[in-house]
């Protein structure tokens, strides 16, 4: 198997080097981002209801402890709101939005690199295809009527191997990218939804204090 793999890489030519490098970088990014997304797993609805219950009872310190004890981004958003509890709700809402945007940016960090690799890999594969066909036609031109399959094979090998490799890497990590972005978008929606509920509770409390 190792001999076959090495043979395929060699026949793919030098273009296989950036294709393989891109796949290694994409794999490392996928593992790192995947570990982060796994780490922030949380029953957001249950967590939010717990925070709302604590704030209704006036247990601000307990709510802050609960927020700081979770790794999910909503913890930071809620913590920002609770730290400024009692201030003007509109201003607090803006601060919570900024905190939410920072958390989403943290989750999306380096995802752009993964997307670039997904876009570049097929182009590298097609570039390798062109080089392989050029190589095959040059061999044909030099050998003229006496050309053999063996003389054409190396160029055709390069053309097919690089295309297949580039597409394989691109398809694999395109799926990974979209799965991760879907998860990040879900997190953002949850933060927005429950953040608005916390602001609503804050407005009720603020209006009662004014009375």
N, C-alpha and C. Protein backbone atom coordinates (compact mmCIF):
# COMPACT_ATOMS: atom_id res chain seq x y z
N UNK A 1 0.84 -1.21 0.00
CA UNK A 1 0.00 0.00 0.00
C UNK A 1 0.87 1.25 0.00
N UNK A 2 1.93 1.25 0.83
CA UNK A 2 2.83 2.40 0.90
C UNK A 2 3.54 2.60 -0.43
N UNK A 3 3.93 1.48 -1.06
CA UNK A 3 4.62 1.56 -2.35
C UNK A 3 3.68 2.15 -3.40
N UNK A 4 2.41 1.71 -3.36
CA UNK A 4 1.43 2.21 -4.32
C UNK A 4 1.19 3.71 -4.11
N UNK A 5 1.07 4.11 -2.86
CA UNK A 5 0.85 5.53 -2.55
C UNK A 5 2.02 6.38 -3.01
N UNK A 6 3.24 5.92 -2.70
CA UNK A 6 4.44 6.66 -3.12
C UNK A 6 4.53 6.75 -4.63
N UNK A 7 4.14 5.67 -5.31
CA UNK A 7 4.18 5.64 -6.77
C UNK A 7 3.21 6.65 -7.36
N UNK A 8 2.02 6.74 -6.76
CA UNK A 8 1.01 7.69 -7.23
C UNK A 8 1.49 9.13 -7.04
N UNK A 9 2.08 9.40 -5.88
CA UNK A 9 2.57 10.75 -5.60
C UNK A 9 3.67 11.14 -6.58
N UNK A 10 4.59 10.21 -6.84
CA UNK A 10 5.69 10.49 -7.77
C UNK A 10 5.15 10.72 -9.17
N UNK A 11 4.21 9.90 -9.62
CA UNK A 11 3.67 10.04 -10.97
C UNK A 11 2.82 11.31 -11.10
N UNK A 12 2.33 11.82 -9.99
CA UNK A 12 1.56 13.06 -10.04
C UNK A 12 2.42 14.28 -10.31
N UNK A 13 3.72 14.14 -10.13
CA UNK A 13 4.63 15.25 -10.41
C UNK A 13 4.72 16.24 -9.26
N UNK A 14 5.44 17.34 -9.49
CA UNK A 14 5.70 18.31 -8.43
C UNK A 14 4.44 19.02 -7.95
N UNK A 15 3.38 19.05 -8.77
CA UNK A 15 2.14 19.71 -8.35
C UNK A 15 1.52 19.01 -7.14
N UNK A 16 1.86 17.73 -6.96
CA UNK A 16 1.33 17.00 -5.81
C UNK A 16 1.83 17.59 -4.49
N UNK A 17 3.00 18.25 -4.52
CA UNK A 17 3.55 18.82 -3.28
C UNK A 17 2.63 19.89 -2.69
N UNK A 18 2.21 20.92 -3.46
CA UNK A 18 1.29 21.89 -2.87
C UNK A 18 -0.09 21.31 -2.57
N UNK A 19 -0.51 20.32 -3.34
CA UNK A 19 -1.81 19.69 -3.07
C UNK A 19 -1.77 18.98 -1.72
N UNK A 20 -0.69 18.25 -1.48
CA UNK A 20 -0.54 17.53 -0.20
C UNK A 20 -0.36 18.52 0.95
N UNK A 21 0.43 19.57 0.72
CA UNK A 21 0.63 20.59 1.75
C UNK A 21 -0.71 21.23 2.14
N UNK A 22 -1.52 21.55 1.13
CA UNK A 22 -2.83 22.14 1.39
C UNK A 22 -3.72 21.20 2.19
N UNK A 23 -3.66 19.91 1.87
CA UNK A 23 -4.48 18.94 2.60
C UNK A 23 -4.05 18.82 4.06
N UNK A 24 -2.74 18.92 4.31
CA UNK A 24 -2.22 18.84 5.68
C UNK A 24 -2.67 20.05 6.49
N UNK A 25 -2.57 21.24 5.88
CA UNK A 25 -3.00 22.47 6.56
C UNK A 25 -4.50 22.41 6.84
N UNK A 26 -5.27 21.96 5.85
CA UNK A 26 -6.73 21.87 6.00
C UNK A 26 -7.10 20.88 7.10
N UNK A 27 -6.38 19.78 7.17
CA UNK A 27 -6.64 18.78 8.20
C UNK A 27 -6.35 19.35 9.59
N UNK A 28 -5.22 20.05 9.72
CA UNK A 28 -4.86 20.65 11.00
C UNK A 28 -5.90 21.68 11.44
N UNK A 29 -6.35 22.51 10.51
CA UNK A 29 -7.37 23.52 10.83
C UNK A 29 -8.69 22.85 11.21
N UNK A 30 -9.03 21.79 10.52
CA UNK A 30 -10.29 21.08 10.80
C UNK A 30 -10.27 20.47 12.19
N UNK A 31 -9.16 19.90 12.56
CA UNK A 31 -9.04 19.29 13.89
C UNK A 31 -9.10 20.37 14.97
N UNK A 32 -8.37 21.47 14.76
CA UNK A 32 -8.33 22.55 15.75
C UNK A 32 -9.70 23.21 15.93
N UNK A 33 -10.37 23.52 14.81
CA UNK A 33 -11.70 24.14 14.90
C UNK A 33 -12.74 23.14 15.41
N UNK A 34 -12.59 21.88 15.01
CA UNK A 34 -13.52 20.85 15.47
C UNK A 34 -13.44 20.65 16.98
N UNK A 35 -12.22 20.69 17.50
CA UNK A 35 -12.03 20.53 18.95
C UNK A 35 -12.68 21.70 19.70
N UNK A 36 -12.56 22.91 19.14
CA UNK A 36 -13.17 24.08 19.78
C UNK A 36 -14.69 23.98 19.78
N UNK A 37 -15.26 23.60 18.64
CA UNK A 37 -16.72 23.48 18.54
C UNK A 37 -17.25 22.36 19.43
N UNK A 38 -16.47 21.31 19.58
CA UNK A 38 -16.86 20.22 20.48
C UNK A 38 -16.84 20.68 21.94
N UNK A 39 -15.86 21.50 22.25
CA UNK A 39 -15.66 21.97 23.63
C UNK A 39 -16.79 22.89 24.09
N UNK A 40 -17.43 23.59 23.17
CA UNK A 40 -18.46 24.56 23.56
C UNK A 40 -19.87 23.96 23.55
N UNK A 41 -19.98 22.64 23.48
CA UNK A 41 -21.32 22.01 23.50
C UNK A 41 -22.06 22.41 24.77
N UNK A 42 -23.35 22.72 24.61
CA UNK A 42 -24.15 23.15 25.75
C UNK A 42 -25.63 23.09 25.39
N UNK A 43 -26.45 22.72 26.38
CA UNK A 43 -27.90 22.83 26.23
C UNK A 43 -28.23 24.30 26.49
N UNK A 44 -28.24 25.09 25.44
CA UNK A 44 -28.36 26.54 25.57
C UNK A 44 -29.70 26.93 26.18
N UNK A 45 -30.76 26.26 25.79
CA UNK A 45 -32.08 26.59 26.32
C UNK A 45 -32.13 26.41 27.84
N UNK A 46 -31.62 25.28 28.31
CA UNK A 46 -31.61 25.01 29.75
C UNK A 46 -30.73 26.01 30.48
N UNK A 47 -29.58 26.33 29.89
CA UNK A 47 -28.67 27.30 30.51
C UNK A 47 -29.32 28.68 30.60
N UNK A 48 -29.96 29.11 29.51
CA UNK A 48 -30.59 30.43 29.50
C UNK A 48 -31.72 30.50 30.53
N UNK A 49 -32.52 29.46 30.60
CA UNK A 49 -33.62 29.45 31.57
C UNK A 49 -33.10 29.51 33.01
N UNK A 50 -31.96 28.85 33.23
CA UNK A 50 -31.35 28.90 34.56
C UNK A 50 -30.90 30.31 34.90
N UNK A 51 -30.27 30.99 33.96
CA UNK A 51 -29.82 32.37 34.18
C UNK A 51 -31.01 33.29 34.40
N UNK A 52 -32.05 33.14 33.60
CA UNK A 52 -33.24 33.98 33.76
C UNK A 52 -33.85 33.80 35.15
N UNK A 53 -33.90 32.54 35.58
CA UNK A 53 -34.46 32.24 36.90
C UNK A 53 -33.63 32.89 38.01
N UNK A 54 -32.32 32.81 37.89
CA UNK A 54 -31.44 33.41 38.90
C UNK A 54 -31.60 34.93 38.94
N UNK A 55 -31.69 35.54 37.76
CA UNK A 55 -31.81 37.00 37.72
C UNK A 55 -33.17 37.46 38.25
N UNK A 56 -34.20 36.68 38.00
CA UNK A 56 -35.53 37.03 38.53
C UNK A 56 -35.54 36.98 40.06
N UNK A 57 -34.71 36.09 40.61
CA UNK A 57 -34.62 35.97 42.07
C UNK A 57 -33.62 36.97 42.66
N UNK A 58 -32.94 37.70 41.79
CA UNK A 58 -31.95 38.67 42.26
C UNK A 58 -30.61 38.06 42.60
N UNK A 59 -30.37 36.83 42.14
CA UNK A 59 -29.09 36.14 42.43
C UNK A 59 -28.06 36.47 41.35
N UNK A 60 -27.63 37.70 41.33
CA UNK A 60 -26.70 38.18 40.29
C UNK A 60 -25.36 37.47 40.34
N UNK A 61 -24.79 37.32 41.53
CA UNK A 61 -23.48 36.68 41.67
C UNK A 61 -23.52 35.23 41.19
N UNK A 62 -24.59 34.52 41.53
CA UNK A 62 -24.73 33.12 41.10
C UNK A 62 -24.85 33.04 39.58
N UNK A 63 -25.55 34.00 39.00
CA UNK A 63 -25.70 34.03 37.54
C UNK A 63 -24.35 34.30 36.87
N UNK A 64 -23.58 35.22 37.44
CA UNK A 64 -22.24 35.51 36.89
C UNK A 64 -21.32 34.32 36.99
N UNK A 65 -21.40 33.59 38.11
CA UNK A 65 -20.59 32.38 38.28
C UNK A 65 -20.96 31.33 37.24
N UNK A 66 -22.26 31.19 37.00
CA UNK A 66 -22.72 30.22 36.01
C UNK A 66 -22.24 30.59 34.61
N UNK A 67 -22.24 31.88 34.29
CA UNK A 67 -21.79 32.36 32.98
C UNK A 67 -20.29 32.14 32.80
N UNK A 68 -19.52 32.47 33.82
CA UNK A 68 -18.06 32.31 33.73
C UNK A 68 -17.66 30.84 33.73
N UNK A 69 -18.55 29.98 34.19
CA UNK A 69 -18.24 28.55 34.26
C UNK A 69 -18.52 27.78 32.99
N UNK A 70 -19.10 28.44 31.99
CA UNK A 70 -19.37 27.76 30.72
C UNK A 70 -18.45 28.26 29.63
N UNK A 71 -18.07 27.38 28.73
CA UNK A 71 -17.18 27.74 27.63
C UNK A 71 -17.96 28.14 26.38
N UNK A 72 -19.28 27.96 26.42
CA UNK A 72 -20.10 28.37 25.27
C UNK A 72 -20.09 29.89 25.15
N UNK A 73 -20.05 30.43 23.93
CA UNK A 73 -20.02 31.89 23.75
C UNK A 73 -21.16 32.63 24.42
N UNK A 74 -22.31 31.99 24.60
CA UNK A 74 -23.43 32.68 25.22
C UNK A 74 -23.12 33.07 26.67
N UNK A 75 -22.20 32.35 27.28
CA UNK A 75 -21.79 32.68 28.64
C UNK A 75 -21.17 34.06 28.71
N UNK A 76 -20.32 34.37 27.73
CA UNK A 76 -19.66 35.69 27.68
C UNK A 76 -20.68 36.79 27.39
N UNK A 77 -21.62 36.50 26.49
CA UNK A 77 -22.65 37.48 26.14
C UNK A 77 -23.53 37.79 27.36
N UNK A 78 -23.98 36.73 28.03
CA UNK A 78 -24.80 36.93 29.23
C UNK A 78 -24.02 37.63 30.33
N UNK A 79 -22.76 37.26 30.47
CA UNK A 79 -21.92 37.87 31.50
C UNK A 79 -21.80 39.37 31.28
N UNK A 80 -21.65 39.77 30.02
CA UNK A 80 -21.58 41.20 29.70
C UNK A 80 -22.86 41.92 30.10
N UNK A 81 -24.00 41.29 29.80
CA UNK A 81 -25.28 41.90 30.15
C UNK A 81 -25.50 41.99 31.64
N UNK A 82 -25.15 40.93 32.35
CA UNK A 82 -25.37 40.91 33.81
C UNK A 82 -24.43 41.86 34.53
N UNK A 83 -23.19 41.98 34.03
CA UNK A 83 -22.24 42.92 34.65
C UNK A 83 -22.74 44.35 34.60
N UNK A 84 -23.52 44.66 33.57
CA UNK A 84 -24.03 46.03 33.40
C UNK A 84 -25.53 46.10 33.71
N UNK A 85 -26.01 45.13 34.45
CA UNK A 85 -27.42 45.08 34.83
C UNK A 85 -27.80 46.34 35.62
N UNK A 86 -28.90 46.93 35.25
CA UNK A 86 -29.32 48.15 35.92
C UNK A 86 -29.00 49.41 35.15
N UNK A 87 -28.08 49.28 34.17
CA UNK A 87 -27.77 50.42 33.31
C UNK A 87 -28.83 50.53 32.22
N UNK A 88 -28.70 51.52 31.37
CA UNK A 88 -29.68 51.73 30.30
C UNK A 88 -29.71 50.50 29.39
N UNK A 89 -30.86 49.82 29.27
CA UNK A 89 -30.96 48.58 28.49
C UNK A 89 -30.46 48.68 27.05
N UNK A 90 -30.73 49.83 26.40
CA UNK A 90 -30.30 49.99 25.01
C UNK A 90 -28.77 49.94 24.91
N UNK A 91 -28.10 50.59 25.84
CA UNK A 91 -26.64 50.60 25.83
C UNK A 91 -26.08 49.21 26.16
N UNK A 92 -26.73 48.54 27.11
CA UNK A 92 -26.29 47.19 27.49
C UNK A 92 -26.48 46.23 26.31
N UNK A 93 -27.56 46.40 25.59
CA UNK A 93 -27.83 45.56 24.41
C UNK A 93 -26.73 45.71 23.37
N UNK A 94 -26.28 46.93 23.18
CA UNK A 94 -25.18 47.18 22.22
C UNK A 94 -23.90 46.49 22.68
N UNK A 95 -23.62 46.57 23.99
CA UNK A 95 -22.43 45.90 24.53
C UNK A 95 -22.52 44.39 24.36
N UNK A 96 -23.71 43.83 24.55
CA UNK A 96 -23.91 42.40 24.37
C UNK A 96 -23.73 42.00 22.91
N UNK A 97 -24.18 42.86 22.00
CA UNK A 97 -24.00 42.59 20.57
C UNK A 97 -22.52 42.56 20.21
N UNK A 98 -21.76 43.51 20.77
CA UNK A 98 -20.32 43.54 20.51
C UNK A 98 -19.66 42.26 21.04
N UNK A 99 -20.07 41.85 22.24
CA UNK A 99 -19.51 40.62 22.83
C UNK A 99 -19.85 39.41 21.97
N UNK A 100 -21.10 39.38 21.47
CA UNK A 100 -21.52 38.28 20.60
C UNK A 100 -20.74 38.25 19.30
N UNK A 101 -20.52 39.42 18.71
CA UNK A 101 -19.74 39.50 17.46
C UNK A 101 -18.30 39.03 17.68
N UNK A 102 -17.73 39.40 18.83
CA UNK A 102 -16.36 38.96 19.15
C UNK A 102 -16.30 37.44 19.28
N UNK A 103 -17.33 36.85 19.89
CA UNK A 103 -17.36 35.40 20.07
C UNK A 103 -17.52 34.68 18.73
N UNK A 104 -18.37 35.22 17.87
CA UNK A 104 -18.54 34.61 16.54
C UNK A 104 -17.24 34.71 15.74
N UNK A 105 -16.57 35.86 15.85
CA UNK A 105 -15.29 36.04 15.16
C UNK A 105 -14.26 35.04 15.67
N UNK A 106 -14.30 34.75 16.97
CA UNK A 106 -13.37 33.77 17.54
C UNK A 106 -13.64 32.38 16.99
N UNK A 107 -14.91 32.04 16.82
CA UNK A 107 -15.27 30.73 16.27
C UNK A 107 -14.90 30.63 14.79
N UNK A 108 -15.00 31.75 14.06
CA UNK A 108 -14.73 31.74 12.62
C UNK A 108 -13.25 31.94 12.30
N UNK A 109 -12.43 32.12 13.33
CA UNK A 109 -11.00 32.37 13.11
C UNK A 109 -10.37 31.26 12.27
N UNK A 110 -9.67 31.63 11.25
CA UNK A 110 -8.95 30.74 10.33
C UNK A 110 -9.87 29.91 9.43
N UNK A 111 -11.18 30.09 9.54
CA UNK A 111 -12.07 29.37 8.63
C UNK A 111 -11.89 29.87 7.19
N UNK A 112 -11.50 31.14 7.05
CA UNK A 112 -11.24 31.68 5.73
C UNK A 112 -10.09 30.96 5.02
N UNK A 113 -9.09 30.55 5.81
CA UNK A 113 -7.96 29.82 5.23
C UNK A 113 -8.44 28.48 4.69
N UNK A 114 -9.32 27.83 5.45
CA UNK A 114 -9.86 26.54 5.01
C UNK A 114 -10.64 26.71 3.70
N UNK A 115 -11.39 27.80 3.60
CA UNK A 115 -12.16 28.06 2.38
C UNK A 115 -11.24 28.32 1.19
N UNK A 116 -10.13 29.02 1.42
CA UNK A 116 -9.16 29.28 0.35
C UNK A 116 -8.58 27.96 -0.16
N UNK A 117 -8.24 27.07 0.75
CA UNK A 117 -7.68 25.78 0.36
C UNK A 117 -8.69 24.99 -0.46
N UNK A 118 -9.96 25.02 -0.04
CA UNK A 118 -11.02 24.33 -0.78
C UNK A 118 -11.12 24.87 -2.21
N UNK A 119 -10.94 26.17 -2.38
CA UNK A 119 -11.01 26.76 -3.71
C UNK A 119 -9.77 26.53 -4.55
N UNK A 120 -8.61 26.51 -3.91
CA UNK A 120 -7.34 26.41 -4.65
C UNK A 120 -7.02 24.97 -5.06
N UNK A 121 -7.38 24.00 -4.23
CA UNK A 121 -7.00 22.60 -4.50
C UNK A 121 -7.46 22.10 -5.88
N UNK A 122 -8.73 22.32 -6.30
CA UNK A 122 -9.11 21.86 -7.64
C UNK A 122 -8.33 22.56 -8.75
N UNK A 123 -8.02 23.86 -8.53
CA UNK A 123 -7.25 24.58 -9.54
C UNK A 123 -5.84 24.02 -9.67
N UNK A 124 -5.25 23.64 -8.53
CA UNK A 124 -3.94 22.99 -8.59
C UNK A 124 -4.04 21.67 -9.35
N UNK A 125 -5.13 20.95 -9.08
CA UNK A 125 -5.34 19.68 -9.78
C UNK A 125 -5.46 19.87 -11.28
N UNK A 126 -6.22 20.88 -11.70
CA UNK A 126 -6.39 21.15 -13.12
C UNK A 126 -5.10 21.66 -13.75
N UNK A 127 -4.32 22.42 -12.96
CA UNK A 127 -3.02 22.88 -13.43
C UNK A 127 -2.11 21.67 -13.70
N UNK A 128 -2.16 20.72 -12.77
CA UNK A 128 -1.39 19.49 -12.96
C UNK A 128 -1.86 18.71 -14.18
N UNK A 129 -3.17 18.77 -14.45
CA UNK A 129 -3.72 18.11 -15.64
C UNK A 129 -3.14 18.72 -16.92
N UNK A 130 -3.12 20.04 -16.97
CA UNK A 130 -2.57 20.72 -18.15
C UNK A 130 -1.10 20.37 -18.35
N UNK A 131 -0.33 20.38 -17.24
CA UNK A 131 1.09 20.03 -17.35
C UNK A 131 1.27 18.60 -17.83
N UNK A 132 0.42 17.72 -17.32
CA UNK A 132 0.51 16.31 -17.72
C UNK A 132 0.18 16.12 -19.19
N UNK A 133 -0.84 16.82 -19.68
CA UNK A 133 -1.20 16.71 -21.10
C UNK A 133 -0.12 17.31 -22.00
N UNK A 134 0.47 18.42 -21.53
CA UNK A 134 1.57 19.01 -22.29
C UNK A 134 2.72 18.01 -22.38
N UNK A 135 3.00 17.36 -21.27
CA UNK A 135 4.08 16.36 -21.22
C UNK A 135 3.78 15.20 -22.17
N UNK A 136 2.53 14.77 -22.19
CA UNK A 136 2.15 13.65 -23.06
C UNK A 136 2.26 14.05 -24.53
N UNK A 137 1.77 15.23 -24.88
CA UNK A 137 1.82 15.67 -26.28
C UNK A 137 3.25 15.93 -26.75
N UNK A 138 4.11 16.40 -25.84
CA UNK A 138 5.52 16.60 -26.20
C UNK A 138 6.19 15.27 -26.50
N UNK A 139 5.85 14.24 -25.68
CA UNK A 139 6.40 12.91 -25.92
C UNK A 139 5.91 12.37 -27.25
N UNK A 140 4.65 12.62 -27.55
CA UNK A 140 4.06 12.19 -28.82
C UNK A 140 4.75 12.87 -30.00
N UNK A 141 4.99 14.20 -29.84
CA UNK A 141 5.62 14.97 -30.91
C UNK A 141 7.04 14.47 -31.18
N UNK A 142 7.77 14.16 -30.12
CA UNK A 142 9.16 13.71 -30.27
C UNK A 142 9.24 12.32 -30.89
N UNK A 143 8.30 11.45 -30.49
CA UNK A 143 8.35 10.08 -30.99
C UNK A 143 7.64 9.93 -32.33
N UNK A 144 6.76 10.90 -32.64
CA UNK A 144 6.00 10.88 -33.90
C UNK A 144 5.23 9.57 -34.06
N UNK A 145 5.33 8.93 -35.21
CA UNK A 145 4.55 7.72 -35.48
C UNK A 145 4.98 6.53 -34.63
N UNK A 146 6.18 6.59 -34.06
CA UNK A 146 6.67 5.46 -33.26
C UNK A 146 6.32 5.59 -31.78
N UNK A 147 5.43 6.53 -31.44
CA UNK A 147 5.07 6.75 -30.04
C UNK A 147 4.44 5.50 -29.44
N UNK A 148 4.76 5.24 -28.19
CA UNK A 148 4.22 4.06 -27.49
C UNK A 148 3.34 4.52 -26.32
N UNK A 149 2.57 3.57 -25.78
CA UNK A 149 1.71 3.87 -24.64
C UNK A 149 2.54 4.29 -23.44
N UNK A 150 3.69 3.63 -23.27
CA UNK A 150 4.56 3.94 -22.14
C UNK A 150 5.05 5.38 -22.19
N UNK A 151 5.32 5.89 -23.39
CA UNK A 151 5.80 7.26 -23.53
C UNK A 151 4.71 8.28 -23.18
N UNK A 152 3.48 7.94 -23.46
CA UNK A 152 2.36 8.84 -23.16
C UNK A 152 1.87 8.70 -21.72
N UNK A 153 2.13 7.51 -21.15
CA UNK A 153 1.53 7.18 -19.85
C UNK A 153 1.91 8.14 -18.73
N UNK A 154 3.19 8.56 -18.69
CA UNK A 154 3.62 9.40 -17.57
C UNK A 154 2.85 10.72 -17.55
N UNK A 155 2.66 11.33 -18.71
CA UNK A 155 1.92 12.58 -18.78
C UNK A 155 0.45 12.40 -18.44
N UNK A 156 -0.14 11.31 -18.93
CA UNK A 156 -1.55 11.03 -18.65
C UNK A 156 -1.75 10.70 -17.17
N UNK A 157 -0.80 9.96 -16.61
CA UNK A 157 -0.83 9.67 -15.16
C UNK A 157 -0.88 10.98 -14.37
N UNK A 158 0.05 11.88 -14.71
CA UNK A 158 0.12 13.15 -14.00
C UNK A 158 -1.21 13.91 -14.12
N UNK A 159 -1.79 13.93 -15.31
CA UNK A 159 -3.04 14.64 -15.53
C UNK A 159 -4.17 14.09 -14.67
N UNK A 160 -4.30 12.77 -14.64
CA UNK A 160 -5.41 12.15 -13.90
C UNK A 160 -5.20 12.20 -12.39
N UNK A 161 -3.96 11.94 -11.96
CA UNK A 161 -3.68 11.87 -10.52
C UNK A 161 -3.85 13.23 -9.86
N UNK A 162 -3.33 14.28 -10.49
CA UNK A 162 -3.45 15.61 -9.87
C UNK A 162 -4.90 16.08 -9.81
N UNK A 163 -5.65 15.81 -10.88
CA UNK A 163 -7.06 16.21 -10.88
C UNK A 163 -7.82 15.48 -9.77
N UNK A 164 -7.63 14.17 -9.69
CA UNK A 164 -8.32 13.38 -8.67
C UNK A 164 -7.94 13.83 -7.26
N UNK A 165 -6.65 14.08 -7.06
CA UNK A 165 -6.17 14.48 -5.73
C UNK A 165 -6.74 15.84 -5.32
N UNK A 166 -6.68 16.80 -6.24
CA UNK A 166 -7.21 18.13 -5.93
C UNK A 166 -8.69 18.10 -5.62
N UNK A 167 -9.46 17.35 -6.39
CA UNK A 167 -10.89 17.25 -6.16
C UNK A 167 -11.21 16.52 -4.86
N UNK A 168 -10.44 15.49 -4.56
CA UNK A 168 -10.66 14.73 -3.32
C UNK A 168 -10.48 15.63 -2.10
N UNK A 169 -9.39 16.39 -2.09
CA UNK A 169 -9.13 17.29 -0.96
C UNK A 169 -10.21 18.37 -0.88
N UNK A 170 -10.56 18.95 -2.02
CA UNK A 170 -11.55 20.04 -2.04
C UNK A 170 -12.91 19.55 -1.57
N UNK A 171 -13.36 18.42 -2.05
CA UNK A 171 -14.69 17.89 -1.68
C UNK A 171 -14.74 17.57 -0.19
N UNK A 172 -13.69 16.93 0.31
CA UNK A 172 -13.65 16.54 1.71
C UNK A 172 -13.75 17.75 2.63
N UNK A 173 -12.93 18.74 2.37
CA UNK A 173 -12.90 19.88 3.29
C UNK A 173 -13.98 20.92 2.99
N UNK A 174 -14.61 20.82 1.82
CA UNK A 174 -15.79 21.65 1.55
C UNK A 174 -16.93 21.19 2.45
N UNK A 175 -17.05 19.88 2.61
CA UNK A 175 -18.06 19.32 3.51
C UNK A 175 -17.77 19.75 4.95
N UNK A 176 -16.51 19.61 5.35
CA UNK A 176 -16.11 20.00 6.71
C UNK A 176 -16.40 21.48 6.96
N UNK A 177 -16.02 22.32 6.01
CA UNK A 177 -16.22 23.77 6.15
C UNK A 177 -17.70 24.10 6.36
N UNK A 178 -18.55 23.51 5.55
CA UNK A 178 -19.98 23.81 5.65
C UNK A 178 -20.60 23.27 6.93
N UNK A 179 -20.14 22.12 7.38
CA UNK A 179 -20.63 21.58 8.66
C UNK A 179 -20.26 22.51 9.81
N UNK A 180 -19.02 22.98 9.80
CA UNK A 180 -18.55 23.87 10.86
C UNK A 180 -19.27 25.22 10.81
N UNK A 181 -19.44 25.78 9.60
CA UNK A 181 -20.10 27.08 9.49
C UNK A 181 -21.57 26.98 9.88
N UNK A 182 -22.19 25.84 9.59
CA UNK A 182 -23.57 25.64 10.01
C UNK A 182 -23.68 25.64 11.53
N UNK A 183 -22.71 24.99 12.17
CA UNK A 183 -22.67 24.95 13.64
C UNK A 183 -22.45 26.35 14.20
N UNK A 184 -21.53 27.11 13.62
CA UNK A 184 -21.24 28.46 14.08
C UNK A 184 -22.47 29.36 13.91
N UNK A 185 -23.16 29.23 12.78
CA UNK A 185 -24.36 30.02 12.55
C UNK A 185 -25.45 29.68 13.56
N UNK A 186 -25.56 28.41 13.92
CA UNK A 186 -26.53 28.01 14.94
C UNK A 186 -26.21 28.65 16.29
N UNK A 187 -24.92 28.66 16.63
CA UNK A 187 -24.48 29.28 17.88
C UNK A 187 -24.83 30.78 17.87
N UNK A 188 -24.58 31.44 16.73
CA UNK A 188 -24.89 32.87 16.61
C UNK A 188 -26.38 33.13 16.77
N UNK A 189 -27.21 32.26 16.17
CA UNK A 189 -28.66 32.42 16.29
C UNK A 189 -29.13 32.24 17.73
N UNK A 190 -28.54 31.26 18.41
CA UNK A 190 -28.90 31.02 19.80
C UNK A 190 -28.51 32.20 20.68
N UNK A 191 -27.32 32.74 20.46
CA UNK A 191 -26.89 33.91 21.24
C UNK A 191 -27.81 35.09 21.00
N UNK A 192 -28.22 35.30 19.75
CA UNK A 192 -29.09 36.41 19.41
C UNK A 192 -30.47 36.23 20.05
N UNK A 193 -31.02 35.03 19.95
CA UNK A 193 -32.36 34.75 20.48
C UNK A 193 -32.43 34.92 22.00
N UNK A 194 -31.54 34.22 22.69
CA UNK A 194 -31.59 34.26 24.15
C UNK A 194 -31.02 35.57 24.70
N UNK A 195 -30.13 36.21 23.93
CA UNK A 195 -29.65 37.53 24.33
C UNK A 195 -30.79 38.54 24.33
N UNK A 196 -31.66 38.46 23.32
CA UNK A 196 -32.82 39.35 23.26
C UNK A 196 -33.76 39.09 24.44
N UNK A 197 -33.90 37.83 24.83
CA UNK A 197 -34.75 37.51 25.97
C UNK A 197 -34.18 38.10 27.26
N UNK A 198 -32.86 38.04 27.41
CA UNK A 198 -32.23 38.62 28.59
C UNK A 198 -32.42 40.14 28.62
N UNK A 199 -32.29 40.77 27.46
CA UNK A 199 -32.50 42.21 27.37
C UNK A 199 -33.95 42.56 27.70
N UNK A 200 -34.88 41.71 27.25
CA UNK A 200 -36.29 41.92 27.58
C UNK A 200 -36.54 41.86 29.07
N UNK A 201 -35.91 40.89 29.73
CA UNK A 201 -36.02 40.78 31.18
C UNK A 201 -35.40 42.00 31.86
N UNK A 202 -34.30 42.46 31.30
CA UNK A 202 -33.62 43.63 31.84
C UNK A 202 -34.50 44.88 31.73
N UNK A 203 -35.18 45.02 30.60
CA UNK A 203 -36.06 46.18 30.39
C UNK A 203 -37.21 46.18 31.39
N UNK A 204 -37.77 44.99 31.65
CA UNK A 204 -38.86 44.89 32.63
C UNK A 204 -38.38 45.32 34.00
N UNK A 205 -37.19 44.82 34.40
CA UNK A 205 -36.62 45.17 35.70
C UNK A 205 -36.32 46.65 35.77
N UNK A 206 -35.79 47.20 34.67
CA UNK A 206 -35.43 48.63 34.64
C UNK A 206 -36.66 49.51 34.76
N UNK A 207 -37.74 49.12 34.08
CA UNK A 207 -38.95 49.92 34.14
C UNK A 207 -39.59 49.88 35.52
N UNK A 208 -39.47 48.76 36.21
CA UNK A 208 -40.01 48.64 37.56
C UNK A 208 -39.26 49.55 38.53
N UNK A 209 -37.95 49.63 38.32
CA UNK A 209 -37.13 50.49 39.19
C UNK A 209 -37.49 51.96 39.00
N UNK A 210 -37.82 52.34 37.77
CA UNK A 210 -38.18 53.72 37.50
C UNK A 210 -39.49 54.10 38.19
N UNK A 211 -40.40 53.10 38.28
CA UNK A 211 -41.68 53.36 38.95
C UNK A 211 -41.49 53.48 40.46
